[in-house]
Amino acid sequence: MNFPENLYYTKDHEWVRVEGDLAFIGITDFAQHELGDIVYVDIASLGKTVAQHEVFGTVEAVKTVSDLFMPLSGEVLEINPALDGAPELVNSDPYGQGWMIKCSIGNSAEVAGLMKAEDYKGLVH
């Protein structure tokens, strides 16, 4: 299982890559593995400001549907367009081409509350 050191993590199995005042968000390798084959990603929060811990969308796998929780407060600026035609990118490349949303960071202090790779690894092992 992959736990990139440059990312932040949540107990709900989302990852966050901070780039200046923007954040890219997706689900972790652990989460995609637990869900199985992902067949649909439904994110209807484009252009909306979503509070930390609120649901910003859902991911649908063959056997289940799972909510996606916002790791940081912010406005959803972009949804990964590649996921429309290829939701399996979340399975094959969860930290790269399988990213889900790009958002503004509404409160940079919230970043400090996210987990580092080592802490997240301890949570899932």
N, C-alpha and C. Protein backbone atom coordinates (compact mmCIF):
# COMPACT_ATOMS: atom_id res chain seq x y z
N MET A 1 0.84 -1.19 0.00
CA MET A 1 0.00 0.00 0.00
C MET A 1 0.88 1.25 0.00
N ASN A 2 0.39 2.29 -0.65
CA ASN A 2 1.17 3.48 -0.89
C ASN A 2 0.70 4.63 0.03
N PHE A 3 1.67 5.28 0.70
CA PHE A 3 1.37 6.42 1.60
C PHE A 3 2.35 7.56 1.30
N PRO A 4 2.13 8.33 0.23
CA PRO A 4 3.08 9.40 -0.10
C PRO A 4 3.29 10.36 1.07
N GLU A 5 4.56 10.66 1.33
CA GLU A 5 4.93 11.52 2.47
C GLU A 5 4.54 12.98 2.27
N ASN A 6 4.36 13.41 1.01
CA ASN A 6 4.08 14.83 0.73
C ASN A 6 2.60 15.18 0.86
N LEU A 7 1.77 14.21 1.23
CA LEU A 7 0.34 14.45 1.34
C LEU A 7 -0.11 14.47 2.80
N TYR A 8 -1.30 15.01 3.01
CA TYR A 8 -1.97 14.96 4.30
C TYR A 8 -3.13 13.98 4.17
N TYR A 9 -3.59 13.45 5.31
CA TYR A 9 -4.62 12.41 5.30
C TYR A 9 -5.68 12.70 6.36
N THR A 10 -6.87 12.08 6.16
CA THR A 10 -7.94 12.21 7.15
C THR A 10 -8.34 10.82 7.64
N LYS A 11 -9.03 10.77 8.76
CA LYS A 11 -9.52 9.50 9.30
C LYS A 11 -10.59 8.90 8.39
N ASP A 12 -11.16 9.73 7.51
CA ASP A 12 -12.17 9.26 6.56
C ASP A 12 -11.55 8.77 5.25
N HIS A 13 -10.23 8.72 5.19
CA HIS A 13 -9.47 8.15 4.07
C HIS A 13 -9.41 9.04 2.82
N GLU A 14 -9.49 10.36 3.03
CA GLU A 14 -9.18 11.28 1.95
C GLU A 14 -7.73 11.72 2.08
N TRP A 15 -7.13 12.09 0.96
CA TRP A 15 -5.79 12.68 0.99
C TRP A 15 -5.90 14.11 0.47
N VAL A 16 -4.92 14.93 0.88
CA VAL A 16 -4.88 16.34 0.48
C VAL A 16 -3.47 16.68 0.05
N ARG A 17 -3.35 17.28 -1.14
CA ARG A 17 -2.06 17.82 -1.58
C ARG A 17 -2.21 19.33 -1.63
N VAL A 18 -1.46 20.03 -0.77
CA VAL A 18 -1.53 21.48 -0.69
C VAL A 18 -0.53 22.09 -1.67
N GLU A 19 -1.03 23.00 -2.51
CA GLU A 19 -0.19 23.75 -3.45
C GLU A 19 -0.53 25.22 -3.29
N GLY A 20 0.24 25.92 -2.46
CA GLY A 20 -0.04 27.33 -2.17
C GLY A 20 -1.36 27.45 -1.43
N ASP A 21 -2.32 28.20 -2.00
CA ASP A 21 -3.62 28.35 -1.34
C ASP A 21 -4.69 27.44 -1.97
N LEU A 22 -4.22 26.42 -2.70
CA LEU A 22 -5.11 25.44 -3.31
C LEU A 22 -4.86 24.06 -2.73
N ALA A 23 -5.87 23.21 -2.79
CA ALA A 23 -5.71 21.83 -2.34
C ALA A 23 -6.32 20.89 -3.37
N PHE A 24 -5.61 19.81 -3.66
CA PHE A 24 -6.14 18.73 -4.48
C PHE A 24 -6.54 17.63 -3.52
N ILE A 25 -7.68 17.00 -3.76
CA ILE A 25 -8.23 16.03 -2.82
C ILE A 25 -8.67 14.78 -3.58
N GLY A 26 -8.43 13.64 -2.95
CA GLY A 26 -8.89 12.37 -3.50
C GLY A 26 -9.03 11.38 -2.37
N ILE A 27 -9.23 10.10 -2.72
CA ILE A 27 -9.27 9.08 -1.68
C ILE A 27 -7.97 8.28 -1.71
N THR A 28 -7.63 7.73 -0.58
CA THR A 28 -6.34 7.05 -0.42
C THR A 28 -6.31 5.69 -1.11
N ASP A 29 -5.11 5.19 -1.26
CA ASP A 29 -4.89 3.86 -1.81
C ASP A 29 -5.64 2.83 -0.96
N PHE A 30 -5.58 2.99 0.36
CA PHE A 30 -6.30 2.10 1.27
C PHE A 30 -7.80 2.13 0.96
N ALA A 31 -8.37 3.33 0.82
CA ALA A 31 -9.81 3.47 0.58
C ALA A 31 -10.23 2.82 -0.73
N GLN A 32 -9.47 3.08 -1.80
CA GLN A 32 -9.87 2.50 -3.09
C GLN A 32 -9.76 0.98 -3.05
N HIS A 33 -8.77 0.48 -2.31
CA HIS A 33 -8.59 -0.96 -2.18
C HIS A 33 -9.78 -1.58 -1.43
N GLU A 34 -10.22 -0.91 -0.35
CA GLU A 34 -11.34 -1.39 0.43
C GLU A 34 -12.65 -1.34 -0.35
N LEU A 35 -12.83 -0.31 -1.17
CA LEU A 35 -14.06 -0.15 -1.94
C LEU A 35 -14.16 -1.15 -3.08
N GLY A 36 -13.02 -1.48 -3.68
CA GLY A 36 -13.04 -2.36 -4.85
C GLY A 36 -13.16 -1.54 -6.12
N ASP A 37 -13.63 -2.17 -7.18
CA ASP A 37 -13.70 -1.52 -8.48
C ASP A 37 -14.66 -0.33 -8.47
N ILE A 38 -14.12 0.85 -8.71
CA ILE A 38 -14.93 2.07 -8.70
C ILE A 38 -15.55 2.27 -10.08
N VAL A 39 -16.87 2.46 -10.09
CA VAL A 39 -17.59 2.56 -11.35
C VAL A 39 -18.15 3.97 -11.61
N TYR A 40 -18.19 4.82 -10.57
CA TYR A 40 -18.76 6.15 -10.77
C TYR A 40 -18.32 7.06 -9.63
N VAL A 41 -17.98 8.29 -9.99
CA VAL A 41 -17.67 9.33 -8.99
C VAL A 41 -18.67 10.45 -9.22
N ASP A 42 -19.44 10.79 -8.18
CA ASP A 42 -20.50 11.79 -8.28
C ASP A 42 -20.17 12.97 -7.38
N ILE A 43 -19.78 14.07 -8.01
CA ILE A 43 -19.45 15.28 -7.26
C ILE A 43 -20.26 16.43 -7.84
N ALA A 44 -21.20 16.93 -7.04
CA ALA A 44 -22.10 18.00 -7.50
C ALA A 44 -21.83 19.31 -6.76
N SER A 45 -20.63 19.44 -6.19
CA SER A 45 -20.34 20.60 -5.35
C SER A 45 -19.49 21.66 -6.07
N LEU A 46 -19.35 21.57 -7.38
CA LEU A 46 -18.56 22.54 -8.13
C LEU A 46 -19.11 23.96 -7.91
N GLY A 47 -18.19 24.88 -7.56
CA GLY A 47 -18.58 26.27 -7.34
C GLY A 47 -19.16 26.54 -5.96
N LYS A 48 -19.30 25.50 -5.15
CA LYS A 48 -19.87 25.67 -3.81
C LYS A 48 -18.76 25.69 -2.76
N THR A 49 -19.02 26.42 -1.70
CA THR A 49 -18.12 26.40 -0.55
C THR A 49 -18.60 25.30 0.38
N VAL A 50 -17.69 24.38 0.70
CA VAL A 50 -18.03 23.23 1.52
C VAL A 50 -17.22 23.31 2.81
N ALA A 51 -17.89 23.15 3.94
CA ALA A 51 -17.22 23.21 5.24
C ALA A 51 -16.45 21.91 5.49
N GLN A 52 -15.42 22.02 6.31
CA GLN A 52 -14.63 20.85 6.70
C GLN A 52 -15.58 19.79 7.27
N HIS A 53 -15.36 18.54 6.90
CA HIS A 53 -16.10 17.36 7.34
C HIS A 53 -17.47 17.19 6.67
N GLU A 54 -17.91 18.15 5.84
CA GLU A 54 -19.17 17.99 5.12
C GLU A 54 -18.94 17.09 3.91
N VAL A 55 -20.01 16.48 3.41
CA VAL A 55 -19.94 15.63 2.24
C VAL A 55 -19.81 16.50 0.99
N PHE A 56 -18.82 16.19 0.12
CA PHE A 56 -18.69 16.94 -1.13
C PHE A 56 -19.05 16.09 -2.35
N GLY A 57 -19.32 14.81 -2.14
CA GLY A 57 -19.69 13.93 -3.23
C GLY A 57 -19.74 12.49 -2.76
N THR A 58 -19.91 11.59 -3.73
CA THR A 58 -19.90 10.16 -3.41
C THR A 58 -19.07 9.42 -4.44
N VAL A 59 -18.60 8.26 -4.02
CA VAL A 59 -17.89 7.36 -4.93
C VAL A 59 -18.65 6.04 -4.90
N GLU A 60 -18.90 5.51 -6.09
CA GLU A 60 -19.68 4.29 -6.21
C GLU A 60 -18.79 3.16 -6.71
N ALA A 61 -18.77 2.09 -5.94
CA ALA A 61 -18.04 0.88 -6.34
C ALA A 61 -19.08 -0.18 -6.69
N VAL A 62 -18.61 -1.32 -7.17
CA VAL A 62 -19.52 -2.38 -7.60
C VAL A 62 -20.49 -2.76 -6.49
N LYS A 63 -20.01 -2.83 -5.24
CA LYS A 63 -20.84 -3.33 -4.14
C LYS A 63 -21.33 -2.28 -3.16
N THR A 64 -20.87 -1.03 -3.28
CA THR A 64 -21.22 -0.04 -2.26
C THR A 64 -21.12 1.39 -2.79
N VAL A 65 -21.72 2.32 -2.07
CA VAL A 65 -21.58 3.75 -2.33
C VAL A 65 -21.03 4.37 -1.05
N SER A 66 -20.05 5.25 -1.19
CA SER A 66 -19.42 5.84 -0.02
C SER A 66 -19.37 7.36 -0.16
N ASP A 67 -19.69 8.06 0.93
CA ASP A 67 -19.60 9.52 0.94
C ASP A 67 -18.14 9.97 0.92
N LEU A 68 -17.93 11.14 0.33
CA LEU A 68 -16.62 11.79 0.32
C LEU A 68 -16.71 13.00 1.24
N PHE A 69 -15.81 13.07 2.22
CA PHE A 69 -15.85 14.14 3.22
C PHE A 69 -14.76 15.17 2.95
N MET A 70 -15.13 16.43 3.04
CA MET A 70 -14.21 17.54 2.78
C MET A 70 -13.18 17.63 3.91
N PRO A 71 -11.88 17.46 3.57
CA PRO A 71 -10.85 17.53 4.61
C PRO A 71 -10.57 18.96 5.10
N LEU A 72 -10.85 19.94 4.24
CA LEU A 72 -10.59 21.35 4.55
C LEU A 72 -11.76 22.19 4.04
N SER A 73 -12.12 23.23 4.76
CA SER A 73 -13.14 24.16 4.26
C SER A 73 -12.61 24.86 3.02
N GLY A 74 -13.47 25.02 2.04
CA GLY A 74 -13.05 25.74 0.84
C GLY A 74 -14.06 25.63 -0.28
N GLU A 75 -13.81 26.40 -1.34
CA GLU A 75 -14.67 26.37 -2.51
C GLU A 75 -14.16 25.35 -3.51
N VAL A 76 -15.05 24.51 -4.01
CA VAL A 76 -14.67 23.51 -5.02
C VAL A 76 -14.53 24.24 -6.35
N LEU A 77 -13.29 24.31 -6.85
CA LEU A 77 -12.99 25.07 -8.06
C LEU A 77 -12.99 24.21 -9.32
N GLU A 78 -12.68 22.93 -9.16
CA GLU A 78 -12.58 22.05 -10.32
C GLU A 78 -12.85 20.62 -9.89
N ILE A 79 -13.50 19.89 -10.77
CA ILE A 79 -13.69 18.45 -10.61
C ILE A 79 -12.87 17.78 -11.69
N ASN A 80 -12.15 16.74 -11.35
CA ASN A 80 -11.30 16.06 -12.33
C ASN A 80 -12.16 15.56 -13.49
N PRO A 81 -12.01 16.15 -14.69
CA PRO A 81 -12.86 15.76 -15.81
C PRO A 81 -12.58 14.34 -16.31
N ALA A 82 -11.39 13.83 -16.05
CA ALA A 82 -11.02 12.49 -16.52
C ALA A 82 -11.87 11.40 -15.85
N LEU A 83 -12.40 11.68 -14.66
CA LEU A 83 -13.16 10.66 -13.93
C LEU A 83 -14.52 10.36 -14.55
N ASP A 84 -15.04 11.30 -15.36
CA ASP A 84 -16.33 11.05 -16.03
C ASP A 84 -16.26 9.82 -16.91
N GLY A 85 -15.22 9.74 -17.71
CA GLY A 85 -15.10 8.62 -18.63
C GLY A 85 -14.27 7.47 -18.10
N ALA A 86 -13.54 7.72 -17.02
CA ALA A 86 -12.62 6.70 -16.50
C ALA A 86 -12.54 6.73 -14.98
N PRO A 87 -13.66 6.39 -14.29
CA PRO A 87 -13.63 6.41 -12.82
C PRO A 87 -12.63 5.42 -12.23
N GLU A 88 -12.22 4.43 -13.01
CA GLU A 88 -11.24 3.44 -12.54
C GLU A 88 -9.87 4.05 -12.29
N LEU A 89 -9.64 5.30 -12.73
CA LEU A 89 -8.38 5.99 -12.42
C LEU A 89 -8.19 6.11 -10.91
N VAL A 90 -9.29 6.19 -10.17
CA VAL A 90 -9.21 6.25 -8.71
C VAL A 90 -8.58 4.97 -8.17
N ASN A 91 -8.86 3.83 -8.81
CA ASN A 91 -8.25 2.57 -8.41
C ASN A 91 -6.79 2.47 -8.87
N SER A 92 -6.54 2.82 -10.11
CA SER A 92 -5.20 2.59 -10.68
C SER A 92 -4.18 3.66 -10.28
N ASP A 93 -4.62 4.89 -10.02
CA ASP A 93 -3.69 5.98 -9.70
C ASP A 93 -4.35 6.96 -8.73
N PRO A 94 -4.65 6.51 -7.49
CA PRO A 94 -5.43 7.35 -6.57
C PRO A 94 -4.77 8.68 -6.21
N TYR A 95 -3.43 8.74 -6.25
CA TYR A 95 -2.74 9.98 -5.85
C TYR A 95 -2.33 10.83 -7.05
N GLY A 96 -2.56 10.34 -8.25
CA GLY A 96 -2.18 11.08 -9.45
C GLY A 96 -3.39 11.40 -10.29
N GLN A 97 -3.58 10.65 -11.38
CA GLN A 97 -4.68 10.92 -12.31
C GLN A 97 -6.04 10.69 -11.69
N GLY A 98 -6.09 10.01 -10.54
CA GLY A 98 -7.37 9.73 -9.88
C GLY A 98 -7.79 10.77 -8.86
N TRP A 99 -7.14 11.96 -8.87
CA TRP A 99 -7.58 13.03 -7.95
C TRP A 99 -9.03 13.37 -8.26
N MET A 100 -9.73 13.92 -7.26
CA MET A 100 -11.16 14.18 -7.43
C MET A 100 -11.52 15.64 -7.58
N ILE A 101 -11.05 16.48 -6.64
CA ILE A 101 -11.39 17.91 -6.72
C ILE A 101 -10.17 18.78 -6.43
N LYS A 102 -10.25 19.99 -6.96
CA LYS A 102 -9.30 21.05 -6.60
C LYS A 102 -10.14 22.12 -5.93
N CYS A 103 -9.67 22.59 -4.78
CA CYS A 103 -10.44 23.61 -4.06
C CYS A 103 -9.52 24.68 -3.48
N SER A 104 -10.14 25.81 -3.14
CA SER A 104 -9.42 26.84 -2.41
C SER A 104 -9.34 26.38 -0.95
N ILE A 105 -8.35 26.88 -0.25
CA ILE A 105 -8.24 26.57 1.18
C ILE A 105 -8.84 27.74 1.95
N GLY A 106 -10.00 27.50 2.56
CA GLY A 106 -10.73 28.55 3.25
C GLY A 106 -10.11 28.95 4.58
N ASN A 107 -9.47 27.97 5.26
CA ASN A 107 -8.88 28.23 6.57
C ASN A 107 -7.59 27.42 6.67
N SER A 108 -6.46 28.07 6.44
CA SER A 108 -5.18 27.34 6.40
C SER A 108 -4.84 26.69 7.74
N ALA A 109 -5.44 27.14 8.84
CA ALA A 109 -5.18 26.52 10.15
C ALA A 109 -5.69 25.08 10.18
N GLU A 110 -6.68 24.75 9.34
CA GLU A 110 -7.22 23.39 9.32
C GLU A 110 -6.19 22.37 8.82
N VAL A 111 -5.23 22.82 8.02
CA VAL A 111 -4.20 21.91 7.50
C VAL A 111 -3.43 21.26 8.65
N ALA A 112 -3.17 22.02 9.70
CA ALA A 112 -2.43 21.50 10.85
C ALA A 112 -3.14 20.34 11.53
N GLY A 113 -4.46 20.25 11.37
CA GLY A 113 -5.23 19.19 12.00
C GLY A 113 -5.28 17.89 11.20
N LEU A 114 -4.70 17.91 10.00
CA LEU A 114 -4.69 16.71 9.16
C LEU A 114 -3.54 15.79 9.56
N MET A 115 -3.65 14.53 9.20
CA MET A 115 -2.61 13.55 9.55
C MET A 115 -1.48 13.54 8.54
N LYS A 116 -0.29 13.25 9.03
CA LYS A 116 0.87 12.99 8.17
C LYS A 116 0.82 11.51 7.77
N ALA A 117 1.61 11.14 6.79
CA ALA A 117 1.61 9.77 6.27
C ALA A 117 1.82 8.73 7.37
N GLU A 118 2.74 8.98 8.27
CA GLU A 118 3.06 8.02 9.33
C GLU A 118 1.86 7.77 10.24
N ASP A 119 1.14 8.86 10.58
CA ASP A 119 -0.04 8.74 11.44
C ASP A 119 -1.15 7.97 10.72
N TYR A 120 -1.34 8.28 9.44
CA TYR A 120 -2.39 7.60 8.67
C TYR A 120 -2.07 6.11 8.54
N LYS A 121 -0.81 5.81 8.30
CA LYS A 121 -0.38 4.42 8.18
C LYS A 121 -0.73 3.66 9.46
N GLY A 122 -0.51 4.30 10.62
CA GLY A 122 -0.85 3.69 11.90
C GLY A 122 -2.34 3.47 12.05
N LEU A 123 -3.16 4.35 11.47
CA LEU A 123 -4.60 4.23 11.55
C LEU A 123 -5.11 3.01 10.78
N VAL A 124 -4.53 2.74 9.62
CA VAL A 124 -5.08 1.69 8.75
C VAL A 124 -4.38 0.35 8.92
N HIS A 125 -3.30 0.30 9.68
CA HIS A 125 -2.61 -0.99 9.88
C HIS A 125 -2.90 -1.59 11.24
